[in-house]
N, C-alpha and C. Protein backbone atom coordinates (compact mmCIF):
# COMPACT_ATOMS: atom_id res chain seq x y z
N MET A 1 1.03 -1.25 0.04
CA MET A 1 0.01 0.13 0.06
C MET A 1 0.78 1.26 0.02
N ARG A 2 0.45 2.26 -0.86
CA ARG A 2 1.19 3.46 -0.68
C ARG A 2 1.07 4.09 0.55
N ARG A 3 2.34 5.01 0.82
CA ARG A 3 2.33 5.71 2.15
C ARG A 3 2.30 6.95 1.96
N LEU A 4 1.85 7.85 3.00
CA LEU A 4 1.98 9.15 3.04
C LEU A 4 2.79 9.72 3.62
N HIS A 5 3.74 10.52 2.81
CA HIS A 5 5.26 10.73 3.42
C HIS A 5 5.42 12.37 3.61
N TYR A 6 5.55 12.82 4.54
CA TYR A 6 5.78 14.36 4.79
C TYR A 6 7.18 14.54 4.80
N PHE A 7 7.39 15.15 3.43
CA PHE A 7 8.73 15.76 3.37
C PHE A 7 8.96 17.02 3.02
N ILE A 8 9.43 17.40 4.27
CA ILE A 8 9.62 19.08 4.59
C ILE A 8 10.95 19.54 5.01
N ALA A 9 11.16 20.93 4.69
CA ALA A 9 12.29 21.38 5.30
C ALA A 9 11.84 22.01 6.47
N ILE A 10 12.88 22.12 7.28
CA ILE A 10 12.33 22.63 8.97
C ILE A 10 13.61 23.25 9.31
N THR A 11 13.50 24.25 10.25
CA THR A 11 14.81 24.97 10.89
C THR A 11 15.23 23.98 12.31
N LEU A 12 16.27 24.21 12.94
CA LEU A 12 16.61 23.33 14.04
C LEU A 12 15.50 23.89 15.31
N ASP A 13 14.89 24.87 15.04
CA ASP A 13 14.12 25.23 16.34
C ASP A 13 12.61 24.71 15.78
N GLY A 14 12.29 24.20 14.49
CA GLY A 14 11.09 23.28 14.42
C GLY A 14 10.20 24.04 13.54
N PHE A 15 10.56 25.21 12.74
CA PHE A 15 9.86 25.90 12.25
C PHE A 15 10.03 25.24 10.31
N ILE A 16 8.89 25.66 9.66
CA ILE A 16 8.94 25.38 8.20
C ILE A 16 8.69 26.64 7.34
N ALA A 17 8.58 27.71 8.10
CA ALA A 17 8.55 28.90 7.33
C ALA A 17 8.47 30.19 8.54
N GLY A 18 8.62 31.31 8.02
CA GLY A 18 8.41 32.57 9.14
C GLY A 18 6.98 32.61 9.29
N PRO A 19 7.01 33.71 10.15
CA PRO A 19 5.63 34.04 10.71
C PRO A 19 4.68 34.47 9.55
N ASP A 20 5.17 35.17 8.38
CA ASP A 20 4.22 35.33 7.24
C ASP A 20 3.95 34.46 6.50
N GLY A 21 4.68 33.30 6.73
CA GLY A 21 4.13 32.24 5.68
C GLY A 21 4.73 32.16 4.50
N ALA A 22 5.53 33.08 4.20
CA ALA A 22 6.21 33.02 2.63
C ALA A 22 7.15 32.12 2.28
N ASP A 23 7.63 31.94 1.40
CA ASP A 23 8.68 30.65 0.69
C ASP A 23 9.97 31.40 1.42
N PRO A 24 10.41 30.48 2.35
CA PRO A 24 11.62 30.77 3.04
C PRO A 24 12.68 30.51 1.96
N THR A 25 12.62 29.88 0.89
CA THR A 25 13.54 29.85 0.06
C THR A 25 13.47 30.53 -1.44
N GLY A 26 12.55 31.48 -1.00
CA GLY A 26 12.25 32.57 -2.40
C GLY A 26 13.43 33.53 -2.46
N PRO A 27 13.02 34.45 -3.37
CA PRO A 27 13.98 35.83 -3.77
C PRO A 27 14.37 36.39 -2.41
N ASN A 28 13.58 36.21 -1.43
CA ASN A 28 13.86 37.25 -0.16
C ASN A 28 13.84 36.58 0.98
N GLY A 29 14.13 35.11 0.97
CA GLY A 29 13.78 33.98 1.79
C GLY A 29 14.99 34.13 2.81
N PHE A 30 15.09 33.39 3.81
CA PHE A 30 16.13 33.21 4.96
C PHE A 30 16.74 32.06 4.69
N TRP A 31 16.22 31.09 4.10
CA TRP A 31 16.82 29.72 3.96
C TRP A 31 18.14 29.73 3.23
N PRO A 32 19.32 29.23 3.85
CA PRO A 32 20.61 28.90 3.12
C PRO A 32 20.49 27.47 2.13
N ILE A 33 20.69 27.75 0.78
CA ILE A 33 20.70 26.75 -0.04
C ILE A 33 22.24 26.32 -0.16
N ALA A 34 22.77 25.69 0.67
CA ALA A 34 24.20 25.17 0.12
C ALA A 34 24.50 24.24 -1.04
N PRO A 35 25.33 24.49 -1.87
CA PRO A 35 25.59 23.49 -2.91
C PRO A 35 25.65 22.16 -2.73
N ASP A 36 26.03 21.51 -1.61
CA ASP A 36 26.00 19.99 -1.15
C ASP A 36 24.36 19.57 -0.96
N TYR A 37 23.73 20.50 -0.25
CA TYR A 37 22.18 20.54 -0.04
C TYR A 37 21.51 19.94 -1.47
N LEU A 38 21.98 21.04 -2.43
CA LEU A 38 21.07 21.04 -3.57
C LEU A 38 21.64 19.58 -4.62
N GLU A 39 23.08 19.23 -4.09
CA GLU A 39 23.43 18.25 -4.87
C GLU A 39 22.74 16.81 -4.45
N HIS A 40 22.83 16.76 -3.29
CA HIS A 40 21.94 15.80 -2.62
C HIS A 40 20.48 15.72 -2.82
N PHE A 41 19.76 16.85 -2.85
CA PHE A 41 18.23 16.94 -3.11
C PHE A 41 18.25 16.49 -4.53
N VAL A 42 18.98 16.85 -5.74
CA VAL A 42 18.99 16.27 -6.89
C VAL A 42 19.27 14.77 -7.21
N ALA A 43 20.07 14.56 -6.41
CA ALA A 43 20.60 13.05 -6.50
C ALA A 43 19.31 12.21 -5.98
N GLU A 44 18.58 12.57 -5.01
CA GLU A 44 17.95 11.58 -4.07
C GLU A 44 16.31 11.81 -4.13
N TYR A 45 16.23 12.98 -4.68
CA TYR A 45 14.76 13.30 -4.47
C TYR A 45 14.21 14.36 -5.98
N PRO A 46 14.74 13.88 -7.05
CA PRO A 46 14.47 15.05 -8.20
C PRO A 46 13.21 15.18 -8.45
N GLU A 47 12.41 14.27 -8.22
CA GLU A 47 10.76 14.72 -8.48
C GLU A 47 10.23 15.57 -7.53
N ALA A 48 10.94 15.99 -6.27
CA ALA A 48 10.49 16.83 -5.49
C ALA A 48 11.05 18.41 -5.91
N LEU A 49 11.87 18.60 -6.80
CA LEU A 49 12.05 19.75 -7.42
C LEU A 49 11.00 20.29 -8.14
N PRO A 50 10.59 21.57 -7.79
CA PRO A 50 9.78 22.40 -8.64
C PRO A 50 10.35 22.34 -10.05
N VAL A 51 9.29 22.72 -11.27
CA VAL A 51 9.60 22.48 -12.52
C VAL A 51 10.69 23.51 -12.80
N GLN A 52 10.65 24.75 -12.29
CA GLN A 52 11.54 26.06 -12.70
C GLN A 52 13.02 25.56 -12.12
N ALA A 53 13.24 24.68 -11.12
CA ALA A 53 14.31 24.34 -10.82
C ALA A 53 14.90 22.86 -11.67
N ARG A 54 13.93 22.35 -11.73
CA ARG A 54 14.38 21.05 -13.05
C ARG A 54 14.72 21.55 -13.98
N GLU A 55 14.23 22.69 -14.76
CA GLU A 55 14.55 23.07 -15.81
C GLU A 55 16.04 23.79 -15.67
N ALA A 56 16.08 24.48 -14.76
CA ALA A 56 17.24 25.29 -14.55
C ALA A 56 18.54 24.62 -14.47
N LEU A 57 18.15 23.09 -13.88
CA LEU A 57 19.46 22.27 -13.31
C LEU A 57 19.15 21.14 -14.30
N SER A 58 18.44 21.19 -15.47
CA SER A 58 18.71 20.19 -16.64
C SER A 58 18.20 18.97 -15.72
N VAL A 59 17.50 18.61 -14.69
CA VAL A 59 17.12 17.37 -14.25
C VAL A 59 15.85 17.05 -14.95
N THR A 60 16.02 15.65 -15.60
CA THR A 60 15.07 14.88 -16.04
C THR A 60 14.30 13.60 -15.44
N ALA A 61 15.13 13.28 -14.47
CA ALA A 61 14.99 12.18 -13.84
C ALA A 61 13.70 12.27 -13.07
N GLU A 62 12.94 10.89 -13.24
CA GLU A 62 11.63 10.70 -12.91
C GLU A 62 11.64 10.64 -11.45
N GLY A 63 12.51 9.89 -10.77
CA GLY A 63 12.44 9.67 -9.36
C GLY A 63 11.82 8.48 -9.14
N THR A 64 12.15 7.85 -7.75
CA THR A 64 11.88 6.63 -7.42
C THR A 64 10.63 6.84 -6.38
N ARG A 65 10.47 7.97 -5.55
CA ARG A 65 9.87 7.91 -4.21
C ARG A 65 8.45 8.35 -4.33
N PHE A 66 8.15 9.30 -4.99
CA PHE A 66 6.87 9.99 -5.18
C PHE A 66 6.26 10.24 -6.42
N ASP A 67 5.13 9.84 -6.56
CA ASP A 67 4.35 10.25 -7.92
C ASP A 67 3.02 10.92 -8.04
N THR A 68 2.80 11.56 -6.60
CA THR A 68 1.77 12.43 -6.31
C THR A 68 2.10 13.50 -5.20
N VAL A 69 1.82 14.77 -5.51
CA VAL A 69 1.83 15.51 -4.21
C VAL A 69 0.52 16.47 -3.87
N LEU A 70 0.76 16.43 -2.41
CA LEU A 70 -0.38 17.07 -1.90
C LEU A 70 -0.04 18.76 -1.07
N GLU A 71 -0.70 19.57 -1.48
CA GLU A 71 -0.41 20.78 -0.82
C GLU A 71 -1.96 21.50 -0.21
N GLY A 72 -1.53 22.37 0.88
CA GLY A 72 -2.91 23.19 1.00
C GLY A 72 -3.11 24.27 0.16
N ARG A 73 -3.87 25.31 0.40
CA ARG A 73 -4.28 26.56 -0.34
C ARG A 73 -2.97 27.62 -0.20
N ARG A 74 -2.99 27.67 1.15
CA ARG A 74 -1.64 28.65 1.18
C ARG A 74 -0.31 28.34 0.69
N SER A 75 0.10 27.10 0.66
CA SER A 75 1.15 26.73 -0.01
C SER A 75 1.08 26.83 -1.16
N TYR A 76 0.04 26.48 -1.74
CA TYR A 76 -0.36 26.61 -3.49
C TYR A 76 -0.46 28.26 -3.97
N GLU A 77 -0.84 29.02 -2.99
CA GLU A 77 -0.83 30.46 -3.46
C GLU A 77 0.45 31.26 -3.43
N ILE A 78 1.44 30.61 -2.86
CA ILE A 78 2.81 31.09 -2.78
C ILE A 78 3.58 30.90 -4.22
N GLY A 79 3.12 29.93 -4.64
CA GLY A 79 3.12 29.81 -6.30
C GLY A 79 2.75 30.72 -7.04
N LEU A 80 1.45 30.68 -6.88
CA LEU A 80 0.43 31.41 -7.48
C LEU A 80 1.17 32.91 -7.68
N ALA A 81 1.59 33.47 -6.14
CA ALA A 81 1.72 34.92 -6.46
C ALA A 81 3.11 35.06 -7.13
N ALA A 82 4.08 33.78 -7.34
CA ALA A 82 5.07 34.04 -8.19
C ALA A 82 5.13 33.67 -9.66
N GLY A 83 3.69 33.31 -9.92
CA GLY A 83 3.50 33.44 -11.51
C GLY A 83 3.59 31.80 -11.72
N ILE A 84 3.44 30.91 -10.49
CA ILE A 84 3.65 29.63 -10.91
C ILE A 84 2.32 28.49 -10.75
N ALA A 85 1.59 28.49 -11.74
CA ALA A 85 0.19 27.80 -11.34
C ALA A 85 0.51 26.13 -11.46
N ASP A 86 1.38 25.62 -11.58
CA ASP A 86 1.61 24.15 -11.24
C ASP A 86 3.08 23.97 -11.36
N ALA A 87 3.72 23.97 -10.14
CA ALA A 87 5.03 23.79 -9.87
C ALA A 87 5.70 22.42 -10.05
N PHE A 88 4.64 21.45 -10.02
CA PHE A 88 4.88 19.86 -10.40
C PHE A 88 4.11 19.21 -11.18
N PRO A 89 4.11 19.63 -12.78
CA PRO A 89 3.50 18.87 -13.49
C PRO A 89 4.13 17.58 -14.05
N HIS A 90 5.23 17.07 -13.52
CA HIS A 90 5.63 16.02 -13.61
C HIS A 90 4.89 14.75 -12.51
N LEU A 91 4.20 15.57 -11.75
CA LEU A 91 3.56 14.49 -10.61
C LEU A 91 1.86 14.84 -10.61
N ARG A 92 1.16 14.00 -10.11
CA ARG A 92 -0.14 14.27 -9.88
C ARG A 92 -0.32 15.24 -8.68
N HIS A 93 -0.95 16.38 -9.11
CA HIS A 93 -0.78 17.42 -8.10
C HIS A 93 -2.26 17.48 -7.30
N LEU A 94 -2.55 17.53 -6.28
CA LEU A 94 -3.82 17.97 -5.49
C LEU A 94 -3.71 19.13 -4.55
N VAL A 95 -4.39 20.26 -4.70
CA VAL A 95 -4.64 21.08 -3.88
C VAL A 95 -5.82 20.99 -2.84
N PHE A 96 -5.75 21.18 -1.61
CA PHE A 96 -6.84 21.05 -0.76
C PHE A 96 -7.44 22.50 -0.39
N SER A 97 -8.71 22.88 -0.71
CA SER A 97 -9.01 24.15 -0.26
C SER A 97 -10.47 23.92 -0.32
N ARG A 98 -11.39 24.63 0.87
CA ARG A 98 -12.56 24.73 0.74
C ARG A 98 -12.90 26.17 0.13
N THR A 99 -12.20 27.03 0.14
CA THR A 99 -12.27 28.55 -0.56
C THR A 99 -12.13 28.71 -2.27
N LEU A 100 -11.16 28.11 -2.57
CA LEU A 100 -10.70 28.23 -3.95
C LEU A 100 -11.89 27.58 -4.56
N THR A 101 -12.39 27.97 -5.70
CA THR A 101 -13.28 27.63 -6.67
C THR A 101 -12.73 26.93 -7.88
N GLU A 102 -11.75 27.47 -8.08
CA GLU A 102 -10.91 27.15 -9.55
C GLU A 102 -9.28 27.25 -9.17
N VAL A 103 -8.73 26.70 -10.10
CA VAL A 103 -7.14 26.80 -10.22
C VAL A 103 -6.98 27.18 -11.89
N PRO A 104 -5.85 27.93 -12.00
CA PRO A 104 -5.48 28.30 -13.22
C PRO A 104 -4.67 27.10 -14.25
N ALA A 105 -4.18 26.06 -13.49
CA ALA A 105 -3.61 24.94 -14.21
C ALA A 105 -4.52 23.79 -14.50
N PRO A 106 -4.77 23.52 -15.67
CA PRO A 106 -5.81 22.28 -15.97
C PRO A 106 -5.53 21.01 -15.23
N ASP A 107 -3.86 20.73 -14.98
CA ASP A 107 -3.72 19.56 -14.51
C ASP A 107 -3.57 19.58 -12.94
N VAL A 108 -4.06 20.80 -12.23
CA VAL A 108 -3.88 20.66 -10.80
C VAL A 108 -5.31 20.09 -10.32
N GLU A 109 -5.41 19.40 -9.59
CA GLU A 109 -6.79 18.84 -9.09
C GLU A 109 -6.96 19.64 -7.81
N LEU A 110 -8.27 20.33 -7.62
CA LEU A 110 -8.74 21.13 -6.29
C LEU A 110 -9.48 20.18 -5.82
N VAL A 111 -9.36 19.98 -4.63
CA VAL A 111 -10.05 18.91 -3.47
C VAL A 111 -10.53 19.75 -2.46
N ALA A 112 -11.92 19.63 -2.40
CA ALA A 112 -12.84 20.41 -1.43
C ALA A 112 -13.16 19.26 -0.16
N ASP A 113 -12.83 18.28 -0.54
CA ASP A 113 -13.49 17.10 0.46
C ASP A 113 -12.61 16.90 1.47
N ASP A 114 -12.84 16.08 2.59
CA ASP A 114 -12.25 15.78 3.54
C ASP A 114 -10.61 15.39 3.17
N PRO A 115 -9.62 15.93 4.07
CA PRO A 115 -8.27 15.22 3.32
C PRO A 115 -7.85 14.18 3.74
N VAL A 116 -8.62 13.53 4.83
CA VAL A 116 -8.25 12.15 5.46
C VAL A 116 -8.97 11.19 4.56
N ALA A 117 -10.21 11.10 4.37
CA ALA A 117 -11.06 10.27 3.19
C ALA A 117 -10.07 10.41 2.11
N THR A 118 -9.74 11.63 1.57
CA THR A 118 -9.03 11.65 0.13
C THR A 118 -7.67 10.79 0.21
N VAL A 119 -6.90 11.08 1.23
CA VAL A 119 -5.80 10.29 1.54
C VAL A 119 -5.94 8.72 1.53
N ARG A 120 -6.69 8.42 2.08
CA ARG A 120 -6.88 7.06 2.35
C ARG A 120 -7.58 6.31 1.17
N GLU A 121 -8.34 7.13 0.33
CA GLU A 121 -8.45 6.77 -0.78
C GLU A 121 -7.26 6.43 -1.84
N LEU A 122 -6.41 7.64 -1.86
CA LEU A 122 -5.10 7.38 -2.49
C LEU A 122 -4.38 6.36 -2.31
N LYS A 123 -4.23 5.98 -1.08
CA LYS A 123 -3.40 5.27 -0.40
C LYS A 123 -3.75 3.70 -0.93
N GLN A 124 -5.08 3.71 -1.62
CA GLN A 124 -5.47 2.22 -2.08
C GLN A 124 -5.11 2.25 -3.28
N GLN A 125 -4.83 3.17 -3.92
CA GLN A 125 -4.44 3.01 -5.45
C GLN A 125 -3.04 2.57 -5.76
N PRO A 126 -2.66 2.20 -7.19
CA PRO A 126 -1.34 1.78 -7.26
C PRO A 126 -0.69 2.95 -7.49
N GLY A 127 0.73 2.79 -7.08
CA GLY A 127 1.38 3.96 -7.42
C GLY A 127 2.49 4.30 -6.18
N LYS A 128 3.47 5.08 -6.50
CA LYS A 128 4.56 5.17 -5.43
C LYS A 128 3.99 6.25 -4.53
N ASP A 129 4.89 6.59 -3.25
CA ASP A 129 4.40 7.16 -2.12
C ASP A 129 3.80 8.58 -2.60
N ILE A 130 3.02 8.91 -1.69
CA ILE A 130 2.29 10.39 -1.75
C ILE A 130 3.00 11.18 -0.90
N TRP A 131 3.54 12.44 -1.56
CA TRP A 131 4.09 13.49 -0.70
C TRP A 131 3.13 14.61 -0.24
N LEU A 132 3.43 14.76 0.92
CA LEU A 132 2.67 15.79 1.56
C LEU A 132 3.68 16.84 1.67
N LEU A 133 3.56 18.03 0.78
CA LEU A 133 4.23 19.04 0.54
C LEU A 133 4.19 19.89 1.81
N GLY A 134 2.92 19.99 2.24
CA GLY A 134 2.59 21.15 3.39
C GLY A 134 1.46 22.03 2.87
N GLY A 135 1.07 22.95 3.76
CA GLY A 135 1.74 23.29 4.76
C GLY A 135 1.40 22.92 6.07
N ALA A 136 1.69 23.65 7.06
CA ALA A 136 1.25 23.10 8.64
C ALA A 136 -0.35 22.84 8.91
N GLU A 137 -1.06 23.75 8.03
CA GLU A 137 -2.42 23.15 8.30
C GLU A 137 -3.00 22.12 7.79
N LEU A 138 -2.48 21.55 6.51
CA LEU A 138 -2.86 20.40 5.80
C LEU A 138 -2.20 18.94 6.43
N ALA A 139 -1.04 19.34 7.13
CA ALA A 139 -0.11 18.34 8.00
C ALA A 139 -0.79 18.31 9.23
N GLY A 140 -1.35 19.32 9.88
CA GLY A 140 -2.05 19.08 10.98
C GLY A 140 -3.26 18.11 11.00
N SER A 141 -4.06 18.45 9.70
CA SER A 141 -5.30 17.52 9.38
C SER A 141 -4.93 16.20 9.13
N LEU A 142 -3.95 15.74 8.34
CA LEU A 142 -3.47 14.61 8.14
C LEU A 142 -2.67 13.91 9.11
N TYR A 143 -2.16 14.41 10.33
CA TYR A 143 -1.28 13.94 11.18
C TYR A 143 -1.27 12.55 11.48
N ALA A 144 -2.51 11.89 11.44
CA ALA A 144 -2.87 10.69 12.12
C ALA A 144 -2.51 9.59 10.93
N GLU A 145 -2.64 10.49 9.43
CA GLU A 145 -2.27 9.38 8.31
C GLU A 145 -0.87 9.55 7.75
N ILE A 146 -0.17 10.02 8.26
CA ILE A 146 1.36 10.43 8.04
C ILE A 146 2.02 8.85 8.52
N ASP A 147 2.92 8.18 7.42
CA ASP A 147 3.30 7.21 7.39
C ASP A 147 4.73 7.09 7.45
N ALA A 148 5.57 8.17 6.88
CA ALA A 148 6.97 8.35 6.85
C ALA A 148 7.22 10.08 6.96
N LEU A 149 8.12 10.30 7.23
CA LEU A 149 8.62 11.77 7.73
C LEU A 149 10.05 11.92 7.31
N THR A 150 10.46 12.92 6.34
CA THR A 150 11.77 13.18 6.12
C THR A 150 11.64 14.72 6.44
N LEU A 151 12.65 14.97 7.15
CA LEU A 151 13.14 16.30 7.67
C LEU A 151 14.14 16.65 7.06
N LYS A 152 14.14 18.05 5.98
CA LYS A 152 15.49 18.59 5.51
C LYS A 152 15.83 19.81 6.65
N VAL A 153 16.65 19.35 7.34
CA VAL A 153 16.91 20.37 8.61
C VAL A 153 18.23 21.28 8.05
N ALA A 154 17.72 22.61 8.46
CA ALA A 154 18.79 23.65 7.90
C ALA A 154 19.64 24.12 8.99
N PRO A 155 20.71 24.23 9.19
CA PRO A 155 21.55 24.80 10.26
C PRO A 155 21.14 25.97 10.45
N LEU A 156 19.77 26.29 10.72
CA LEU A 156 19.18 27.76 11.10
C LEU A 156 18.42 27.62 12.36
N THR A 157 18.23 28.68 12.96
CA THR A 157 16.95 28.71 14.01
C THR A 157 16.53 30.44 13.51
N ILE A 158 15.20 30.45 13.85
CA ILE A 158 14.67 31.69 13.39
C ILE A 158 13.65 32.15 14.64
N GLY A 159 13.61 31.64 15.72
CA GLY A 159 12.80 32.18 16.66
C GLY A 159 11.50 31.84 16.66
N THR A 160 10.62 32.29 15.62
CA THR A 160 9.41 31.89 15.78
C THR A 160 8.86 31.83 14.42
N GLY A 161 7.68 31.28 14.00
CA GLY A 161 7.00 30.99 12.60
C GLY A 161 5.98 30.05 12.63
N ILE A 162 6.03 29.33 11.31
CA ILE A 162 4.92 28.24 10.95
C ILE A 162 5.59 26.91 11.66
N PRO A 163 4.71 26.33 12.42
CA PRO A 163 5.40 24.78 13.04
C PRO A 163 5.45 23.90 12.02
N LEU A 164 5.95 22.84 12.31
CA LEU A 164 5.69 21.60 11.45
C LEU A 164 4.41 21.20 11.35
N PHE A 165 3.67 21.11 12.38
CA PHE A 165 2.10 20.76 12.28
C PHE A 165 1.54 21.87 13.11
N SER A 166 0.29 22.29 12.63
CA SER A 166 -0.49 23.58 12.93
C SER A 166 -1.33 22.85 14.04
N GLN A 167 -2.27 23.63 15.00
CA GLN A 167 -2.78 23.30 15.98
C GLN A 167 -4.17 22.29 15.60
N LYS A 168 -4.34 22.02 14.40
CA LYS A 168 -5.41 20.93 13.78
C LYS A 168 -4.68 19.60 14.34
N ALA A 169 -3.92 19.31 14.41
CA ALA A 169 -3.12 18.37 14.89
C ALA A 169 -3.59 17.92 16.35
N ALA A 170 -4.34 16.94 16.63
CA ALA A 170 -4.64 16.26 17.85
C ALA A 170 -3.49 16.26 18.74
N PHE A 171 -3.54 15.90 19.99
CA PHE A 171 -2.47 15.87 21.07
C PHE A 171 -2.38 14.09 21.07
N ASP A 172 -1.70 13.49 20.16
CA ASP A 172 -1.33 12.34 19.98
C ASP A 172 0.03 11.58 19.70
N PRO A 173 0.52 11.30 20.89
CA PRO A 173 1.95 10.98 20.64
C PRO A 173 2.22 10.02 19.80
N ARG A 174 3.07 9.86 19.11
CA ARG A 174 3.74 8.89 18.12
C ARG A 174 5.24 8.33 18.19
N THR A 175 5.35 7.70 17.83
CA THR A 175 6.95 7.16 17.89
C THR A 175 7.30 7.00 16.29
N TRP A 176 8.71 6.98 16.14
CA TRP A 176 9.03 6.87 14.81
C TRP A 176 10.44 6.13 14.80
N ALA A 177 10.72 5.36 13.88
CA ALA A 177 11.97 4.68 13.60
C ALA A 177 12.85 5.27 12.61
N MET A 178 14.14 5.66 12.86
CA MET A 178 15.00 6.13 11.90
C MET A 178 15.14 5.27 10.79
N ALA A 179 14.96 5.78 9.62
CA ALA A 179 15.10 5.03 8.32
C ALA A 179 16.32 5.27 7.32
N GLY A 180 17.01 6.43 7.75
CA GLY A 180 18.05 6.82 7.16
C GLY A 180 18.56 8.44 7.73
N HIS A 181 19.78 8.66 7.28
CA HIS A 181 20.12 10.03 7.81
C HIS A 181 21.32 10.49 6.83
N THR A 182 21.15 11.61 6.47
CA THR A 182 22.55 12.12 5.61
C THR A 182 22.94 13.56 6.34
N VAL A 183 24.07 13.49 6.93
CA VAL A 183 24.51 14.80 7.37
C VAL A 183 25.61 15.54 6.41
N LEU A 184 25.29 16.44 5.91
CA LEU A 184 26.28 17.22 5.12
C LEU A 184 27.01 18.22 5.61
N GLU A 185 28.34 18.27 4.86
CA GLU A 185 29.36 19.24 5.36
C GLU A 185 28.85 20.92 5.79
N SER A 186 27.76 21.22 4.95
CA SER A 186 27.36 22.31 5.05
C SER A 186 26.78 22.50 6.46
N GLY A 187 26.51 21.06 7.01
CA GLY A 187 25.61 21.49 8.30
C GLY A 187 24.08 21.18 8.14
N ALA A 188 23.58 20.84 7.08
CA ALA A 188 22.02 20.38 6.83
C ALA A 188 22.24 18.91 6.87
N MET A 189 20.93 18.48 7.24
CA MET A 189 20.86 17.05 7.60
C MET A 189 19.33 16.59 6.89
N PHE A 190 19.09 15.43 6.24
CA PHE A 190 18.30 14.80 5.82
C PHE A 190 18.10 13.74 6.70
N LEU A 191 16.97 13.75 7.73
CA LEU A 191 16.54 12.55 8.43
C LEU A 191 15.24 12.02 8.19
N SER A 192 15.19 10.81 7.93
CA SER A 192 14.30 10.13 7.33
C SER A 192 13.75 8.98 8.64
N TYR A 193 12.45 9.21 8.68
CA TYR A 193 11.73 8.27 9.79
C TYR A 193 10.38 7.52 9.31
N GLU A 194 10.27 6.24 9.89
CA GLU A 194 9.00 5.45 9.59
C GLU A 194 8.25 5.40 10.84
N ARG A 195 6.86 5.57 10.53
CA ARG A 195 6.29 5.62 11.86
C ARG A 195 6.05 3.92 12.42
N THR A 196 6.13 3.88 13.51
CA THR A 196 6.33 2.55 14.25
C THR A 196 5.01 2.13 14.67
N GLY A 197 4.52 0.89 14.77
CA GLY A 197 3.22 0.48 15.31
C GLY A 197 2.25 1.30 16.71
N ASP A 198 1.35 1.91 16.40
CA ASP A 198 0.89 2.75 17.49
C ASP A 198 -0.06 1.77 18.55
């Protein structure tokens, strides 16, 4: 069965974005992208690169981990504000929103239904893992459905911001088994975990 995999960049103090929710890796972002981080990302997670990065870096690899990406309205609107209607045309792309009535990209699927029911249905379909891109609101709603977690940890603290999970996540302690780790010379880390039996 397919897994829901929360693959997300995070600071050492547990934030995925600043208080304004803007793209931390964007033109005015605070997130350092070291060459070794980018090299590891391209080699291991090519399908998680947005289309502009894939084109700029001449990345054509299909990737072996994900074939579907899920994101919430706020995350999707960051791309829209930058003029990008579909950052992942190489993946099945679902955007969850109860307020959007349409999206400008014909291949992006707008979903107003319950995220949990949708993910459970997706897990039953054939394919690779399902990438939960974010943001924190959607991750909070899907907390109980997450099977794997990969944290791209930046050697950075910001003091406050958007946490890994929003307050929508219920208090529900879960344990995770280390599935892999890569520590880069730049100080960035890729830490992978799989949920253990609860």
